[in-house]
Amino acid sequence: MGRFAVVFGIFLGLSALNVSASEQDVDWVTLSRSEIGETLSDRKLVYDGATQVFYASGRTLYNAGRDSWGYWQVRGDSYCSQWPPSGLWDCYQLDIGPAGQLRFVGSDGSFSTGVFAE
């Protein structure tokens, strides 16, 4: 899992699940470039013990007990994020599923999920 687990674990405050995304594809739909932007812009997601706001400006605020500011953008059909002080961008497939769940899928097939805040 390497870099994905470290970066995404900090990013979402969740451990990547041991089940691959392909084993859990029932009712999940992969979002396209325009759908990713529309889905995330100025929205808040709730994860297990954390929240994240995706501002239309390209900034994102993650909080799991303290604020962590980063950047997000859409590249191709992927959601990408960058968390200072690192200048590296990490990209993920974004799927939407039942009950408004969002699933961020890494290149190795591992994933984390969140739901929209009401």
PDB file of N, CA and C in Angstrom:
ATOM      1  N   MET A   1       0.822  -1.195   0.000  1.00  0.00           N
ATOM      2  CA  MET A   1       0.000   0.000   0.000  1.00  0.00           C
ATOM      3  C   MET A   1       0.864   1.255   0.000  1.00  0.00           C
ATOM      4  N   GLY A   2       1.971   1.243   0.685  1.00  0.00           N
ATOM      5  CA  GLY A   2       2.974   2.283   0.649  1.00  0.00           C
ATOM      6  C   GLY A   2       2.463   3.697   0.732  1.00  0.00           C
ATOM      7  N   ARG A   3       2.832   4.484  -0.265  1.00  0.00           N
ATOM      8  CA  ARG A   3       2.544   5.911  -0.311  1.00  0.00           C
ATOM      9  C   ARG A   3       1.051   6.195  -0.220  1.00  0.00           C
ATOM     10  N   PHE A   4       0.213   5.380  -0.876  1.00  0.00           N
ATOM     11  CA  PHE A   4      -1.235   5.591  -0.829  1.00  0.00           C
ATOM     12  C   PHE A   4      -1.729   5.559   0.607  1.00  0.00           C
ATOM     13  N   ALA A   5      -1.310   4.574   1.374  1.00  0.00           N
ATOM     14  CA  ALA A   5      -1.783   4.436   2.751  1.00  0.00           C
ATOM     15  C   ALA A   5      -1.351   5.615   3.602  1.00  0.00           C
ATOM     16  N   VAL A   6      -0.111   6.061   3.438  1.00  0.00           N
ATOM     17  CA  VAL A   6       0.374   7.181   4.232  1.00  0.00           C
ATOM     18  C   VAL A   6      -0.352   8.468   3.869  1.00  0.00           C
ATOM     19  N   VAL A   7      -0.357   8.819   2.587  1.00  0.00           N
ATOM     20  CA  VAL A   7      -0.980  10.067   2.154  1.00  0.00           C
ATOM     21  C   VAL A   7      -2.484  10.039   2.369  1.00  0.00           C
ATOM     22  N   PHE A   8      -3.134   8.962   1.944  1.00  0.00           N
ATOM     23  CA  PHE A   8      -4.582   8.911   2.042  1.00  0.00           C
ATOM     24  C   PHE A   8      -5.036   8.718   3.480  1.00  0.00           C
ATOM     25  N   GLY A   9      -4.241   8.029   4.285  1.00  0.00           N
ATOM     26  CA  GLY A   9      -4.577   7.875   5.697  1.00  0.00           C
ATOM     27  C   GLY A   9      -4.590   9.210   6.404  1.00  0.00           C
ATOM     28  N   ILE A  10      -3.605  10.053   6.113  1.00  0.00           N
ATOM     29  CA  ILE A  10      -3.573  11.402   6.671  1.00  0.00           C
ATOM     30  C   ILE A  10      -4.723  12.202   6.094  1.00  0.00           C
ATOM     31  N   PHE A  11      -4.907  12.112   4.795  1.00  0.00           N
ATOM     32  CA  PHE A  11      -5.928  12.879   4.090  1.00  0.00           C
ATOM     33  C   PHE A  11      -7.324  12.588   4.608  1.00  0.00           C
ATOM     34  N   LEU A  12      -7.659  11.340   4.752  1.00  0.00           N
ATOM     35  CA  LEU A  12      -9.016  10.987   5.157  1.00  0.00           C
ATOM     36  C   LEU A  12      -9.130  10.550   6.605  1.00  0.00           C
ATOM     37  N   GLY A  13      -8.002  10.295   7.240  1.00  0.00           N
ATOM     38  CA  GLY A  13      -8.062   9.835   8.611  1.00  0.00           C
ATOM     39  C   GLY A  13      -8.631   8.434   8.727  1.00  0.00           C
ATOM     40  N   LEU A  14      -8.621   7.726   7.636  1.00  0.00           N
ATOM     41  CA  LEU A  14      -9.146   6.364   7.610  1.00  0.00           C
ATOM     42  C   LEU A  14      -8.088   5.437   7.054  1.00  0.00           C
ATOM     43  N   SER A  15      -8.068   4.230   7.519  1.00  0.00           N
ATOM     44  CA  SER A  15      -7.197   3.223   6.916  1.00  0.00           C
ATOM     45  C   SER A  15      -7.862   2.718   5.656  1.00  0.00           C
ATOM     46  N   ALA A  16      -7.068   2.459   4.651  1.00  0.00           N
ATOM     47  CA  ALA A  16      -7.626   1.855   3.440  1.00  0.00           C
ATOM     48  C   ALA A  16      -8.152   0.477   3.807  1.00  0.00           C
ATOM     49  N   LEU A  17      -9.312   0.126   3.282  1.00  0.00           N
ATOM     50  CA  LEU A  17      -9.924  -1.153   3.604  1.00  0.00           C
ATOM     51  C   LEU A  17      -9.199  -2.281   2.906  1.00  0.00           C
ATOM     52  N   ASN A  18      -9.261  -3.472   3.487  1.00  0.00           N
ATOM     53  CA  ASN A  18      -8.597  -4.637   2.905  1.00  0.00           C
ATOM     54  C   ASN A  18      -9.336  -5.208   1.710  1.00  0.00           C
ATOM     55  N   VAL A  19     -10.560  -4.786   1.482  1.00  0.00           N
ATOM     56  CA  VAL A  19     -11.351  -5.276   0.363  1.00  0.00           C
ATOM     57  C   VAL A  19     -11.066  -4.402  -0.846  1.00  0.00           C
ATOM     58  N   SER A  20     -10.768  -5.000  -1.969  1.00  0.00           N
ATOM     59  CA  SER A  20     -10.494  -4.195  -3.155  1.00  0.00           C
ATOM     60  C   SER A  20     -11.785  -3.604  -3.701  1.00  0.00           C
ATOM     61  N   ALA A  21     -11.667  -2.507  -4.414  1.00  0.00           N
ATOM     62  CA  ALA A  21     -12.835  -1.821  -4.975  1.00  0.00           C
ATOM     63  C   ALA A  21     -13.597  -2.737  -5.915  1.00  0.00           C
ATOM     64  N   SER A  22     -12.908  -3.573  -6.677  1.00  0.00           N
ATOM     65  CA  SER A  22     -13.587  -4.436  -7.633  1.00  0.00           C
ATOM     66  C   SER A  22     -14.501  -5.453  -6.947  1.00  0.00           C
ATOM     67  N   GLU A  23     -14.234  -5.777  -5.691  1.00  0.00           N
ATOM     68  CA  GLU A  23     -15.067  -6.720  -4.956  1.00  0.00           C
ATOM     69  C   GLU A  23     -16.315  -6.057  -4.395  1.00  0.00           C
ATOM     70  N   GLN A  24     -16.411  -4.754  -4.450  1.00  0.00           N
ATOM     71  CA  GLN A  24     -17.520  -4.026  -3.858  1.00  0.00           C
ATOM     72  C   GLN A  24     -18.182  -3.087  -4.861  1.00  0.00           C
ATOM     73  N   ASP A  25     -18.258  -3.465  -6.143  1.00  0.00           N
ATOM     74  CA  ASP A  25     -18.738  -2.581  -7.192  1.00  0.00           C
ATOM     75  C   ASP A  25     -20.256  -2.494  -7.324  1.00  0.00           C
ATOM     76  N   VAL A  26     -20.998  -3.300  -6.607  1.00  0.00           N
ATOM     77  CA  VAL A  26     -22.449  -3.282  -6.711  1.00  0.00           C
ATOM     78  C   VAL A  26     -22.969  -1.902  -6.316  1.00  0.00           C
ATOM     79  N   ASP A  27     -23.754  -1.303  -7.200  1.00  0.00           N
ATOM     80  CA  ASP A  27     -24.391  -0.006  -6.965  1.00  0.00           C
ATOM     81  C   ASP A  27     -23.430   1.187  -6.937  1.00  0.00           C
ATOM     82  N   TRP A  28     -22.178   1.020  -7.303  1.00  0.00           N
ATOM     83  CA  TRP A  28     -21.228   2.129  -7.361  1.00  0.00           C
ATOM     84  C   TRP A  28     -21.066   2.565  -8.813  1.00  0.00           C
ATOM     85  N   VAL A  29     -21.001   3.883  -9.037  1.00  0.00           N
ATOM     86  CA  VAL A  29     -20.816   4.446 -10.367  1.00  0.00           C
ATOM     87  C   VAL A  29     -19.607   5.370 -10.336  1.00  0.00           C
ATOM     88  N   THR A  30     -18.676   5.180 -11.275  1.00  0.00           N
ATOM     89  CA  THR A  30     -17.493   6.027 -11.363  1.00  0.00           C
ATOM     90  C   THR A  30     -17.866   7.365 -11.977  1.00  0.00           C
ATOM     91  N   LEU A  31     -17.441   8.438 -11.330  1.00  0.00           N
ATOM     92  CA  LEU A  31     -17.766   9.790 -11.795  1.00  0.00           C
ATOM     93  C   LEU A  31     -16.787  10.261 -12.861  1.00  0.00           C
ATOM     94  N   SER A  32     -17.287  11.055 -13.805  1.00  0.00           N
ATOM     95  CA  SER A  32     -16.466  11.652 -14.857  1.00  0.00           C
ATOM     96  C   SER A  32     -15.904  12.984 -14.366  1.00  0.00           C
ATOM     97  N   ARG A  33     -15.055  13.580 -15.167  1.00  0.00           N
ATOM     98  CA  ARG A  33     -14.418  14.858 -14.845  1.00  0.00           C
ATOM     99  C   ARG A  33     -15.433  15.901 -14.381  1.00  0.00           C
ATOM    100  N   SER A  34     -16.453  16.164 -15.167  1.00  0.00           N
ATOM    101  CA  SER A  34     -17.423  17.202 -14.807  1.00  0.00           C
ATOM    102  C   SER A  34     -18.240  16.796 -13.583  1.00  0.00           C
ATOM    103  N   GLU A  35     -18.535  15.513 -13.452  1.00  0.00           N
ATOM    104  CA  GLU A  35     -19.304  15.045 -12.305  1.00  0.00           C
ATOM    105  C   GLU A  35     -18.519  15.163 -11.001  1.00  0.00           C
ATOM    106  N   ILE A  36     -17.214  14.938 -11.045  1.00  0.00           N
ATOM    107  CA  ILE A  36     -16.389  15.065  -9.847  1.00  0.00           C
ATOM    108  C   ILE A  36     -16.441  16.495  -9.326  1.00  0.00           C
ATOM    109  N   GLY A  37     -16.222  17.460 -10.219  1.00  0.00           N
ATOM    110  CA  GLY A  37     -16.255  18.868  -9.817  1.00  0.00           C
ATOM    111  C   GLY A  37     -17.605  19.272  -9.259  1.00  0.00           C
ATOM    112  N   GLU A  38     -18.663  18.872  -9.941  1.00  0.00           N
ATOM    113  CA  GLU A  38     -20.015  19.205  -9.484  1.00  0.00           C
ATOM    114  C   GLU A  38     -20.337  18.547  -8.150  1.00  0.00           C
ATOM    115  N   THR A  39     -19.871  17.343  -7.962  1.00  0.00           N
ATOM    116  CA  THR A  39     -20.180  16.578  -6.756  1.00  0.00           C
ATOM    117  C   THR A  39     -19.462  17.124  -5.524  1.00  0.00           C
ATOM    118  N   LEU A  40     -18.206  17.558  -5.691  1.00  0.00           N
ATOM    119  CA  LEU A  40     -17.412  17.974  -4.535  1.00  0.00           C
ATOM    120  C   LEU A  40     -17.444  19.471  -4.238  1.00  0.00           C
ATOM    121  N   SER A  41     -17.595  20.313  -5.242  1.00  0.00           N
ATOM    122  CA  SER A  41     -17.475  21.767  -5.042  1.00  0.00           C
ATOM    123  C   SER A  41     -18.422  22.287  -3.972  1.00  0.00           C
ATOM    124  N   ASP A  42     -17.821  22.954  -2.984  1.00  0.00           N
ATOM    125  CA  ASP A  42     -18.550  23.568  -1.872  1.00  0.00           C
ATOM    126  C   ASP A  42     -19.425  22.565  -1.125  1.00  0.00           C
ATOM    127  N   ARG A  43     -18.905  21.349  -0.971  1.00  0.00           N
ATOM    128  CA  ARG A  43     -19.608  20.294  -0.236  1.00  0.00           C
ATOM    129  C   ARG A  43     -18.746  19.807   0.924  1.00  0.00           C
ATOM    130  N   LYS A  44     -19.386  19.209   1.892  1.00  0.00           N
ATOM    131  CA  LYS A  44     -18.708  18.664   3.063  1.00  0.00           C
ATOM    132  C   LYS A  44     -18.974  17.172   3.151  1.00  0.00           C
ATOM    133  N   LEU A  45     -17.908  16.394   3.355  1.00  0.00           N
ATOM    134  CA  LEU A  45     -18.020  14.956   3.553  1.00  0.00           C
ATOM    135  C   LEU A  45     -17.698  14.621   5.006  1.00  0.00           C
ATOM    136  N   VAL A  46     -18.339  13.565   5.469  1.00  0.00           N
ATOM    137  CA  VAL A  46     -18.088  13.059   6.813  1.00  0.00           C
ATOM    138  C   VAL A  46     -17.488  11.668   6.676  1.00  0.00           C
ATOM    139  N   TYR A  47     -16.358  11.468   7.343  1.00  0.00           N
ATOM    140  CA  TYR A  47     -15.688  10.174   7.381  1.00  0.00           C
ATOM    141  C   TYR A  47     -15.773   9.678   8.821  1.00  0.00           C
ATOM    142  N   ASP A  48     -15.273   8.529   9.087  1.00  0.00           N
ATOM    143  CA  ASP A  48     -15.247   7.987  10.432  1.00  0.00           C
ATOM    144  C   ASP A  48     -14.302   8.839  11.293  1.00  0.00           C
ATOM    145  N   GLY A  49     -14.867   9.739  12.088  1.00  0.00           N
ATOM    146  CA  GLY A  49     -14.057  10.575  12.976  1.00  0.00           C
ATOM    147  C   GLY A  49     -13.458  11.808  12.338  1.00  0.00           C
ATOM    148  N   ALA A  50     -13.880  12.169  11.146  1.00  0.00           N
ATOM    149  CA  ALA A  50     -13.301  13.330  10.473  1.00  0.00           C
ATOM    150  C   ALA A  50     -14.300  13.946   9.504  1.00  0.00           C
ATOM    151  N   THR A  51     -14.018  15.183   9.081  1.00  0.00           N
ATOM    152  CA  THR A  51     -14.805  15.862   8.053  1.00  0.00           C
ATOM    153  C   THR A  51     -13.851  16.512   7.058  1.00  0.00           C
ATOM    154  N   GLN A  52     -14.392  16.805   5.874  1.00  0.00           N
ATOM    155  CA  GLN A  52     -13.603  17.500   4.860  1.00  0.00           C
ATOM    156  C   GLN A  52     -14.525  18.354   4.015  1.00  0.00           C
ATOM    157  N   VAL A  53     -14.121  19.611   3.801  1.00  0.00           N
ATOM    158  CA  VAL A  53     -14.854  20.541   2.956  1.00  0.00           C
ATOM    159  C   VAL A  53     -14.024  20.767   1.692  1.00  0.00           C
ATOM    160  N   PHE A  54     -14.691  20.696   0.540  1.00  0.00           N
ATOM    161  CA  PHE A  54     -14.045  20.892  -0.760  1.00  0.00           C
ATOM    162  C   PHE A  54     -14.535  22.225  -1.324  1.00  0.00           C
ATOM    163  N   TYR A  55     -13.755  23.264  -1.175  1.00  0.00           N
ATOM    164  CA  TYR A  55     -14.157  24.586  -1.652  1.00  0.00           C
ATOM    165  C   TYR A  55     -13.980  24.691  -3.165  1.00  0.00           C
ATOM    166  N   ALA A  56     -14.880  25.420  -3.815  1.00  0.00           N
ATOM    167  CA  ALA A  56     -14.829  25.603  -5.271  1.00  0.00           C
ATOM    168  C   ALA A  56     -13.525  26.281  -5.699  1.00  0.00           C
ATOM    169  N   SER A  57     -12.892  26.999  -4.794  1.00  0.00           N
ATOM    170  CA  SER A  57     -11.622  27.687  -5.085  1.00  0.00           C
ATOM    171  C   SER A  57     -10.465  26.720  -5.312  1.00  0.00           C
ATOM    172  N   GLY A  58     -10.658  25.437  -4.938  1.00  0.00           N
ATOM    173  CA  GLY A  58      -9.574  24.471  -5.047  1.00  0.00           C
ATOM    174  C   GLY A  58      -8.892  24.192  -3.715  1.00  0.00           C
ATOM    175  N   ARG A  59      -9.310  24.868  -2.683  1.00  0.00           N
ATOM    176  CA  ARG A  59      -8.791  24.595  -1.339  1.00  0.00           C
ATOM    177  C   ARG A  59      -9.663  23.511  -0.709  1.00  0.00           C
ATOM    178  N   THR A  60      -9.093  22.787   0.233  1.00  0.00           N
ATOM    179  CA  THR A  60      -9.852  21.791   0.978  1.00  0.00           C
ATOM    180  C   THR A  60      -9.421  21.828   2.433  1.00  0.00           C
ATOM    181  N   LEU A  61     -10.371  21.667   3.321  1.00  0.00           N
ATOM    182  CA  LEU A  61     -10.120  21.683   4.757  1.00  0.00           C
ATOM    183  C   LEU A  61     -10.540  20.343   5.335  1.00  0.00           C
ATOM    184  N   TYR A  62      -9.565  19.633   5.874  1.00  0.00           N
ATOM    185  CA  TYR A  62      -9.791  18.341   6.515  1.00  0.00           C
ATOM    186  C   TYR A  62      -9.643  18.542   8.011  1.00  0.00           C
ATOM    187  N   ASN A  63     -10.541  17.926   8.796  1.00  0.00           N
ATOM    188  CA  ASN A  63     -10.439  18.055  10.240  1.00  0.00           C
ATOM    189  C   ASN A  63     -10.741  16.720  10.911  1.00  0.00           C
ATOM    190  N   ALA A  64      -9.753  16.226  11.644  1.00  0.00           N
ATOM    191  CA  ALA A  64      -9.900  15.031  12.475  1.00  0.00           C
ATOM    192  C   ALA A  64      -9.410  15.387  13.869  1.00  0.00           C
ATOM    193  N   GLY A  65      -9.900  16.529  14.362  1.00  0.00           N
ATOM    194  CA  GLY A  65      -9.463  17.027  15.658  1.00  0.00           C
ATOM    195  C   GLY A  65      -8.654  18.300  15.540  1.00  0.00           C
ATOM    196  N   ARG A  66      -8.106  18.523  14.352  1.00  0.00           N
ATOM    197  CA  ARG A  66      -7.403  19.783  14.056  1.00  0.00           C
ATOM    198  C   ARG A  66      -7.491  20.026  12.561  1.00  0.00           C
ATOM    199  N   ASP A  67      -7.432  21.300  12.190  1.00  0.00           N
ATOM    200  CA  ASP A  67      -7.543  21.673  10.777  1.00  0.00           C
ATOM    201  C   ASP A  67      -6.275  21.348  10.006  1.00  0.00           C
ATOM    202  N   SER A  68      -6.456  20.850   8.802  1.00  0.00           N
ATOM    203  CA  SER A  68      -5.372  20.607   7.864  1.00  0.00           C
ATOM    204  C   SER A  68      -5.830  21.102   6.494  1.00  0.00           C
ATOM    205  N   TRP A  69      -5.146  22.138   5.979  1.00  0.00           N
ATOM    206  CA  TRP A  69      -5.506  22.733   4.693  1.00  0.00           C
ATOM    207  C   TRP A  69      -4.696  22.116   3.569  1.00  0.00           C
ATOM    208  N   GLY A  70      -5.363  21.837   2.467  1.00  0.00           N
ATOM    209  CA  GLY A  70      -4.712  21.315   1.276  1.00  0.00           C
ATOM    210  C   GLY A  70      -5.367  21.875   0.034  1.00  0.00           C
ATOM    211  N   TYR A  71      -5.089  21.246  -1.087  1.00  0.00           N
ATOM    212  CA  TYR A  71      -5.629  21.660  -2.383  1.00  0.00           C
ATOM    213  C   TYR A  71      -6.252  20.447  -3.063  1.00  0.00           C
ATOM    214  N   TRP A  72      -7.262  20.708  -3.892  1.00  0.00           N
ATOM    215  CA  TRP A  72      -7.850  19.651  -4.686  1.00  0.00           C
ATOM    216  C   TRP A  72      -8.132  20.167  -6.082  1.00  0.00           C
ATOM    217  N   GLN A  73      -8.157  19.248  -7.036  1.00  0.00           N
ATOM    218  CA  GLN A  73      -8.515  19.574  -8.408  1.00  0.00           C
ATOM    219  C   GLN A  73      -8.881  18.287  -9.130  1.00  0.00           C
ATOM    220  N   VAL A  74      -9.459  18.467 -10.294  1.00  0.00           N
ATOM    221  CA  VAL A  74      -9.819  17.330 -11.134  1.00  0.00           C
ATOM    222  C   VAL A  74      -8.818  17.276 -12.279  1.00  0.00           C
ATOM    223  N   ARG A  75      -8.233  16.110 -12.470  1.00  0.00           N
ATOM    224  CA  ARG A  75      -7.308  15.876 -13.578  1.00  0.00           C
ATOM    225  C   ARG A  75      -7.818  14.660 -14.342  1.00  0.00           C
ATOM    226  N   GLY A  76      -8.155  14.892 -15.600  1.00  0.00           N
ATOM    227  CA  GLY A  76      -8.763  13.800 -16.369  1.00  0.00           C
ATOM    228  C   GLY A  76     -10.060  13.413 -15.682  1.00  0.00           C
ATOM    229  N   ASP A  77     -10.234  12.152 -15.420  1.00  0.00           N
ATOM    230  CA  ASP A  77     -11.412  11.671 -14.705  1.00  0.00           C
ATOM    231  C   ASP A  77     -11.048  11.251 -13.283  1.00  0.00           C
ATOM    232  N   SER A  78     -10.110  11.976 -12.675  1.00  0.00           N
ATOM    233  CA  SER A  78      -9.656  11.646 -11.326  1.00  0.00           C
ATOM    234  C   SER A  78      -9.732  12.850 -10.394  1.00  0.00           C
ATOM    235  N   TYR A  79     -10.011  12.568  -9.136  1.00  0.00           N
ATOM    236  CA  TYR A  79      -9.899  13.555  -8.058  1.00  0.00           C
ATOM    237  C   TYR A  79      -8.446  13.535  -7.602  1.00  0.00           C
ATOM    238  N   CYS A  80      -7.830  14.713  -7.496  1.00  0.00           N
ATOM    239  CA  CYS A  80      -6.437  14.793  -7.069  1.00  0.00           C
ATOM    240  C   CYS A  80      -6.316  15.754  -5.888  1.00  0.00           C
ATOM    241  N   SER A  81      -5.399  15.436  -4.984  1.00  0.00           N
ATOM    242  CA  SER A  81      -5.188  16.286  -3.813  1.00  0.00           C
ATOM    243  C   SER A  81      -3.699  16.465  -3.550  1.00  0.00           C
ATOM    244  N   GLN A  82      -3.401  17.577  -2.897  1.00  0.00           N
ATOM    245  CA  GLN A  82      -2.024  17.911  -2.534  1.00  0.00           C
ATOM    246  C   GLN A  82      -2.057  18.525  -1.137  1.00  0.00           C
ATOM    247  N   TRP A  83      -1.179  18.031  -0.257  1.00  0.00           N
ATOM    248  CA  TRP A  83      -1.155  18.468   1.130  1.00  0.00           C
ATOM    249  C   TRP A  83       0.225  18.995   1.477  1.00  0.00           C
ATOM    250  N   PRO A  84       0.341  20.345   1.653  1.00  0.00           N
ATOM    251  CA  PRO A  84       1.634  20.913   2.056  1.00  0.00           C
ATOM    252  C   PRO A  84       2.108  20.284   3.362  1.00  0.00           C
ATOM    253  N   PRO A  85       3.401  20.161   3.548  1.00  0.00           N
ATOM    254  CA  PRO A  85       4.439  20.801   2.744  1.00  0.00           C
ATOM    255  C   PRO A  85       4.819  20.034   1.483  1.00  0.00           C
ATOM    256  N   SER A  86       4.240  18.863   1.260  1.00  0.00           N
ATOM    257  CA  SER A  86       4.553  18.112   0.049  1.00  0.00           C
ATOM    258  C   SER A  86       3.991  18.835  -1.166  1.00  0.00           C
ATOM    259  N   GLY A  87       4.741  18.835  -2.234  1.00  0.00           N
ATOM    260  CA  GLY A  87       4.281  19.428  -3.481  1.00  0.00           C
ATOM    261  C   GLY A  87       3.706  18.383  -4.432  1.00  0.00           C
ATOM    262  N   LEU A  88       3.633  17.131  -3.966  1.00  0.00           N
ATOM    263  CA  LEU A  88       3.170  16.040  -4.820  1.00  0.00           C
ATOM    264  C   LEU A  88       1.647  15.942  -4.814  1.00  0.00           C
ATOM    265  N   TRP A  89       1.102  15.629  -5.968  1.00  0.00           N
ATOM    266  CA  TRP A  89      -0.335  15.421  -6.116  1.00  0.00           C
ATOM    267  C   TRP A  89      -0.606  13.924  -6.187  1.00  0.00           C
ATOM    268  N   ASP A  90      -1.635  13.477  -5.479  1.00  0.00           N
ATOM    269  CA  ASP A  90      -2.083  12.092  -5.536  1.00  0.00           C
ATOM    270  C   ASP A  90      -3.484  12.083  -6.122  1.00  0.00           C
ATOM    271  N   CYS A  91      -3.745  11.139  -7.025  1.00  0.00           N
ATOM    272  CA  CYS A  91      -5.033  11.104  -7.722  1.00  0.00           C
ATOM    273  C   CYS A  91      -5.769   9.800  -7.453  1.00  0.00           C
ATOM    274  N   TYR A  92      -7.106   9.899  -7.444  1.00  0.00           N
ATOM    275  CA  TYR A  92      -7.968   8.784  -7.102  1.00  0.00           C
ATOM    276  C   TYR A  92      -9.192   8.774  -8.016  1.00  0.00           C
ATOM    277  N   GLN A  93      -9.674   7.596  -8.325  1.00  0.00           N
ATOM    278  CA  GLN A  93     -10.968   7.446  -8.976  1.00  0.00           C
ATOM    279  C   GLN A  93     -12.018   7.791  -7.928  1.00  0.00           C
ATOM    280  N   LEU A  94     -13.077   8.463  -8.322  1.00  0.00           N
ATOM    281  CA  LEU A  94     -14.144   8.808  -7.387  1.00  0.00           C
ATOM    282  C   LEU A  94     -15.427   8.133  -7.835  1.00  0.00           C
ATOM    283  N   ASP A  95     -15.989   7.329  -6.944  1.00  0.00           N
ATOM    284  CA  ASP A  95     -17.233   6.612  -7.206  1.00  0.00           C
ATOM    285  C   ASP A  95     -18.318   7.123  -6.272  1.00  0.00           C
ATOM    286  N   ILE A  96     -19.551   7.128  -6.754  1.00  0.00           N
ATOM    287  CA  ILE A  96     -20.694   7.456  -5.906  1.00  0.00           C
ATOM    288  C   ILE A  96     -21.533   6.195  -5.770  1.00  0.00           C
ATOM    289  N   GLY A  97     -22.036   5.998  -4.564  1.00  0.00           N
ATOM    290  CA  GLY A  97     -22.767   4.771  -4.294  1.00  0.00           C
ATOM    291  C   GLY A  97     -24.059   5.013  -3.549  1.00  0.00           C
ATOM    292  N   PRO A  98     -24.563   3.957  -2.948  1.00  0.00           N
ATOM    293  CA  PRO A  98     -25.830   4.032  -2.244  1.00  0.00           C
ATOM    294  C   PRO A  98     -25.804   5.052  -1.113  1.00  0.00           C
ATOM    295  N   ALA A  99     -26.932   5.688  -0.907  1.00  0.00           N
ATOM    296  CA  ALA A  99     -27.122   6.635   0.207  1.00  0.00           C
ATOM    297  C   ALA A  99     -26.115   7.782   0.181  1.00  0.00           C
ATOM    298  N   GLY A 100     -25.686   8.208  -1.014  1.00  0.00           N
ATOM    299  CA  GLY A 100     -24.797   9.363  -1.118  1.00  0.00           C
ATOM    300  C   GLY A 100     -23.374   9.107  -0.676  1.00  0.00           C
ATOM    301  N   GLN A 101     -22.954   7.873  -0.597  1.00  0.00           N
ATOM    302  CA  GLN A 101     -21.580   7.576  -0.227  1.00  0.00           C
ATOM    303  C   GLN A 101     -20.638   7.911  -1.378  1.00  0.00           C
ATOM    304  N   LEU A 102     -19.458   8.393  -1.044  1.00  0.00           N
ATOM    305  CA  LEU A 102     -18.399   8.607  -2.035  1.00  0.00           C
ATOM    306  C   LEU A 102     -17.246   7.685  -1.679  1.00  0.00           C
ATOM    307  N   ARG A 103     -16.667   7.092  -2.709  1.00  0.00           N
ATOM    308  CA  ARG A 103     -15.554   6.171  -2.517  1.00  0.00           C
ATOM    309  C   ARG A 103     -14.359   6.679  -3.311  1.00  0.00           C
ATOM    310  N   PHE A 104     -13.250   6.918  -2.625  1.00  0.00           N
ATOM    311  CA  PHE A 104     -11.999   7.346  -3.239  1.00  0.00           C
ATOM    312  C   PHE A 104     -11.153   6.093  -3.420  1.00  0.00           C
ATOM    313  N   VAL A 105     -10.830   5.767  -4.689  1.00  0.00           N
ATOM    314  CA  VAL A 105     -10.149   4.514  -5.003  1.00  0.00           C
ATOM    315  C   VAL A 105      -8.738   4.813  -5.495  1.00  0.00           C
ATOM    316  N   GLY A 106      -7.756   4.230  -4.818  1.00  0.00           N
ATOM    317  CA  GLY A 106      -6.358   4.396  -5.199  1.00  0.00           C
ATOM    318  C   GLY A 106      -5.978   3.508  -6.364  1.00  0.00           C
ATOM    319  N   SER A 107      -4.819   3.760  -6.922  1.00  0.00           N
ATOM    320  CA  SER A 107      -4.356   2.999  -8.085  1.00  0.00           C
ATOM    321  C   SER A 107      -4.147   1.524  -7.760  1.00  0.00           C
ATOM    322  N   ASP A 108      -3.992   1.200  -6.471  1.00  0.00           N
ATOM    323  CA  ASP A 108      -3.813  -0.197  -6.075  1.00  0.00           C
ATOM    324  C   ASP A 108      -5.140  -0.893  -5.762  1.00  0.00           C
ATOM    325  N   GLY A 109      -6.270  -0.170  -5.942  1.00  0.00           N
ATOM    326  CA  GLY A 109      -7.587  -0.757  -5.706  1.00  0.00           C
ATOM    327  C   GLY A 109      -8.116  -0.579  -4.301  1.00  0.00           C
ATOM    328  N   SER A 110      -7.272  -0.132  -3.368  1.00  0.00           N
ATOM    329  CA  SER A 110      -7.765   0.113  -2.010  1.00  0.00           C
ATOM    330  C   SER A 110      -8.591   1.391  -2.005  1.00  0.00           C
ATOM    331  N   PHE A 111      -9.465   1.537  -1.017  1.00  0.00           N
ATOM    332  CA  PHE A 111     -10.361   2.685  -1.032  1.00  0.00           C
ATOM    333  C   PHE A 111     -10.773   3.111   0.364  1.00  0.00           C
ATOM    334  N   SER A 112     -11.312   4.327   0.435  1.00  0.00           N
ATOM    335  CA  SER A 112     -11.909   4.880   1.647  1.00  0.00           C
ATOM    336  C   SER A 112     -13.219   5.532   1.240  1.00  0.00           C
ATOM    337  N   THR A 113     -14.173   5.580   2.176  1.00  0.00           N
ATOM    338  CA  THR A 113     -15.485   6.145   1.853  1.00  0.00           C
ATOM    339  C   THR A 113     -15.868   7.242   2.832  1.00  0.00           C
ATOM    340  N   GLY A 114     -16.715   8.135   2.333  1.00  0.00           N
ATOM    341  CA  GLY A 114     -17.306   9.201   3.136  1.00  0.00           C
ATOM    342  C   GLY A 114     -18.736   9.418   2.677  1.00  0.00           C
ATOM    343  N   VAL A 115     -19.492  10.169   3.460  1.00  0.00           N
ATOM    344  CA  VAL A 115     -20.874  10.505   3.103  1.00  0.00           C
ATOM    345  C   VAL A 115     -21.055  12.011   3.204  1.00  0.00           C
ATOM    346  N   PHE A 116     -21.983  12.545   2.450  1.00  0.00           N
ATOM    347  CA  PHE A 116     -22.250  13.972   2.499  1.00  0.00           C
ATOM    348  C   PHE A 116     -22.818  14.366   3.855  1.00  0.00           C
ATOM    349  N   ALA A 117     -22.362  15.495   4.362  1.00  0.00           N
ATOM    350  CA  ALA A 117     -22.936  16.060   5.581  1.00  0.00           C
ATOM    351  C   ALA A 117     -24.287  16.668   5.225  1.00  0.00           C
ATOM    352  N   GLU A 118     -25.203  16.606   6.117  1.00  0.00           N
ATOM    353  CA  GLU A 118     -26.539  17.173   5.882  1.00  0.00           C
ATOM    354  C   GLU A 118     -26.516  18.668   6.096  1.00  0.00           C
TER     355      GLU A 118
END
